[in-house]
Amino acid sequence: MRQFRVAIVITLITIAFAPAALAGALEPLPSVEACFATGGHKHAVVLEVASKNKQRQRGLMERTTLAEDAGMLFTYQTERSPSHGFWMYQTLIPLDIAYLDKEGVIVSIHSMTPCPSSKGRNCPTYPSGEPFWNAVEMNKGYFAARNISPGDQLLWPAEEACQP
């Protein structure tokens, strides 16, 4: 009888706290309007901001779509090394990633393909190749279609940055 009571108490505790834990893991991220500036052109985007470890770890995992001018901005408090990279574990859509220096200047861009493996250790990483402070993931082909390349800059918040 004692084991039965313990089992009931554990079940009730699990039921009580599980929804809160799940809600915290999936709560929406803040977003920011930003602008890629390249030559004489400016490209407005809306970026979800992943600034905490859990947010950055989750990234765009399990999403099936991403709006054409939407993406995710990963921010860090310290510079990341050139060997630091991203992976596509449980990410379902092909993405491009732009690594940015402290001023938002693009230092490298890579295309990434979804990893079909059920084990993260089997997924390749996409290191920046350059020191960076932030990174932006967009749909695959976004940067090439707009002639955005290393040396161009992401401006955020965009308030007046994307004005002609």
Protein backbone atom coordinates (compact mmCIF):
# COMPACT_ATOMS: atom_id res chain seq x y z
CA MET A 1 0.00 0.00 0.00
CA ARG A 2 2.87 2.39 0.82
CA GLN A 3 4.43 1.87 -2.64
CA PHE A 4 1.07 2.63 -4.22
CA ARG A 5 0.81 5.96 -2.31
CA VAL A 6 4.35 6.91 -3.27
CA ALA A 7 3.58 6.13 -6.91
CA ILE A 8 0.45 8.31 -6.78
CA VAL A 9 2.33 11.22 -5.20
CA ILE A 10 5.08 11.01 -7.84
CA THR A 11 2.50 10.88 -10.63
CA LEU A 12 0.64 13.92 -9.25
CA ILE A 13 3.85 15.91 -8.92
CA THR A 14 4.85 14.99 -12.48
CA ILE A 15 1.44 16.01 -13.84
CA ALA A 16 1.51 19.29 -11.91
CA PHE A 17 4.96 20.40 -13.09
CA ALA A 18 5.17 18.92 -16.61
CA PRO A 19 2.99 21.57 -18.34
CA ALA A 20 5.03 24.41 -16.83
CA ALA A 21 8.29 22.81 -17.92
CA LEU A 22 7.01 22.23 -21.45
CA ALA A 23 5.58 25.73 -21.72
CA GLY A 24 8.91 27.26 -20.70
CA ALA A 25 10.80 25.23 -23.27
CA LEU A 26 8.51 26.30 -26.11
CA GLU A 27 7.72 29.88 -25.20
CA PRO A 28 8.07 32.29 -28.12
CA LEU A 29 11.34 34.13 -28.53
CA PRO A 30 11.54 37.90 -28.73
CA SER A 31 11.98 39.22 -32.26
CA VAL A 32 13.74 42.20 -33.73
CA GLU A 33 13.45 44.02 -37.04
CA ALA A 34 16.84 44.08 -38.73
CA CYS A 35 18.37 44.98 -42.06
CA PHE A 36 21.08 43.43 -44.20
CA ALA A 37 23.03 46.26 -45.86
CA THR A 38 24.93 45.32 -48.99
CA GLY A 39 26.34 47.86 -51.44
CA GLY A 40 23.46 50.22 -52.19
CA HIS A 41 20.75 47.73 -51.23
CA LYS A 42 19.01 47.05 -47.95
CA HIS A 43 17.02 43.94 -47.09
CA ALA A 44 14.57 44.10 -44.18
CA VAL A 45 14.16 40.95 -42.08
CA VAL A 46 12.44 39.91 -38.87
CA LEU A 47 14.64 37.79 -36.62
CA GLU A 48 13.77 35.78 -33.55
CA VAL A 49 16.50 36.38 -30.98
CA ALA A 50 18.11 33.40 -29.23
CA SER A 51 20.27 34.91 -26.50
CA LYS A 52 20.17 32.20 -23.83
CA ASN A 53 21.86 28.79 -23.95
CA LYS A 54 18.60 26.81 -24.10
CA GLN A 55 17.26 29.08 -26.85
CA ARG A 56 20.44 28.75 -28.90
CA GLN A 57 20.50 24.96 -28.41
CA ARG A 58 16.93 24.64 -29.70
CA GLY A 59 17.35 27.12 -32.56
CA LEU A 60 15.10 26.27 -35.50
CA MET A 61 14.79 22.58 -34.63
CA GLU A 62 11.59 20.82 -35.72
CA ARG A 63 10.26 23.77 -37.74
CA THR A 64 8.76 22.83 -41.08
CA THR A 65 8.70 26.33 -42.59
CA LEU A 66 10.34 29.70 -42.23
CA ALA A 67 8.94 32.86 -43.81
CA GLU A 68 11.00 34.25 -46.71
CA ASP A 69 12.28 37.30 -44.83
CA ALA A 70 12.42 35.72 -41.37
CA GLY A 71 15.22 34.01 -39.51
CA MET A 72 16.93 33.57 -36.18
CA LEU A 73 19.64 35.74 -34.63
CA PHE A 74 21.95 33.96 -32.18
CA THR A 75 23.70 36.37 -29.82
CA TYR A 76 26.63 35.75 -27.49
CA GLN A 77 28.23 37.76 -24.69
CA THR A 78 31.77 36.81 -25.75
CA GLU A 79 33.55 36.15 -29.01
CA ARG A 80 33.28 32.60 -30.39
CA SER A 81 36.30 30.86 -31.90
CA PRO A 82 36.62 30.03 -35.62
CA SER A 83 36.11 26.34 -34.78
CA HIS A 84 32.76 27.00 -33.08
CA GLY A 85 29.92 25.97 -35.34
CA PHE A 86 26.29 25.06 -35.69
CA TRP A 87 24.67 21.76 -36.59
CA MET A 88 21.39 20.68 -38.13
CA TYR A 89 20.30 17.98 -35.67
CA GLN A 90 16.50 17.73 -35.73
CA THR A 91 16.34 20.68 -38.11
CA LEU A 92 13.95 19.94 -40.95
CA ILE A 93 14.54 22.80 -43.40
CA PRO A 94 17.76 23.67 -45.26
CA LEU A 95 19.34 26.86 -43.95
CA ASP A 96 22.11 29.34 -44.64
CA ILE A 97 24.07 30.77 -41.73
CA ALA A 98 25.94 34.07 -41.65
CA TYR A 99 28.49 34.53 -38.88
CA LEU A 100 28.91 38.15 -37.73
CA ASP A 101 31.60 40.09 -35.91
CA LYS A 102 30.83 42.40 -32.98
CA GLU A 103 29.67 45.21 -35.30
CA GLY A 104 27.38 42.93 -37.32
CA VAL A 105 29.73 42.59 -40.29
CA ILE A 106 29.41 39.20 -41.96
CA VAL A 107 32.67 37.23 -41.65
CA SER A 108 31.47 34.00 -43.33
CA ILE A 109 28.39 32.35 -44.80
CA HIS A 110 27.67 28.61 -45.05
CA SER A 111 24.83 26.50 -46.42
CA MET A 112 23.57 23.77 -44.10
CA THR A 113 21.44 20.73 -44.91
CA PRO A 114 19.12 18.89 -42.52
CA CYS A 115 20.70 15.94 -40.73
CA PRO A 116 18.54 12.79 -41.04
CA SER A 117 20.29 10.99 -38.17
CA SER A 118 18.40 10.33 -34.96
CA LYS A 119 21.70 10.77 -33.10
CA GLY A 120 23.21 14.22 -32.83
CA ARG A 121 26.75 12.89 -32.80
CA ASN A 122 26.24 11.73 -36.41
CA CYS A 123 25.40 15.24 -37.64
CA PRO A 124 28.11 17.43 -39.18
CA THR A 125 28.90 20.84 -37.76
CA TYR A 126 29.36 24.00 -39.77
CA PRO A 127 32.15 26.01 -38.12
CA SER A 128 32.45 29.70 -38.91
CA GLY A 129 36.12 29.61 -39.90
CA GLU A 130 36.43 33.11 -38.41
CA PRO A 131 35.96 34.53 -34.90
CA PHE A 132 32.37 35.75 -34.46
CA TRP A 133 29.95 37.26 -31.93
CA ASN A 134 26.57 36.56 -33.52
CA ALA A 135 25.05 34.37 -36.21
CA VAL A 136 21.92 34.55 -38.36
CA GLU A 137 20.10 31.57 -39.86
CA MET A 138 17.87 32.18 -42.89
CA ASN A 139 16.29 29.93 -45.51
CA LYS A 140 18.84 28.29 -47.80
CA GLY A 141 19.59 30.55 -50.75
CA TYR A 142 18.53 33.75 -49.00
CA PHE A 143 21.97 35.37 -49.03
CA ALA A 144 22.90 34.34 -52.60
CA ALA A 145 19.57 35.55 -54.01
CA ARG A 146 20.26 39.01 -52.57
CA ASN A 147 24.01 39.12 -53.27
CA ILE A 148 24.73 39.31 -49.55
CA SER A 149 28.30 38.22 -48.82
CA PRO A 150 31.11 38.53 -46.27
CA GLY A 151 31.85 42.21 -45.65
CA ASP A 152 28.16 43.15 -45.77
CA GLN A 153 26.46 44.04 -42.49
CA LEU A 154 23.40 43.22 -40.41
CA LEU A 155 21.98 46.30 -38.70
CA TRP A 156 19.66 45.85 -35.72
CA PRO A 157 17.47 47.07 -34.38
CA ALA A 158 16.52 48.34 -37.83
CA GLU A 159 14.46 51.38 -36.78
CA GLU A 160 15.84 53.66 -39.51
CA ALA A 161 18.49 51.35 -40.94
CA CYS A 162 16.26 50.00 -43.71
CA GLN A 163 14.84 53.34 -44.73
CA PRO A 164 15.84 54.33 -48.30
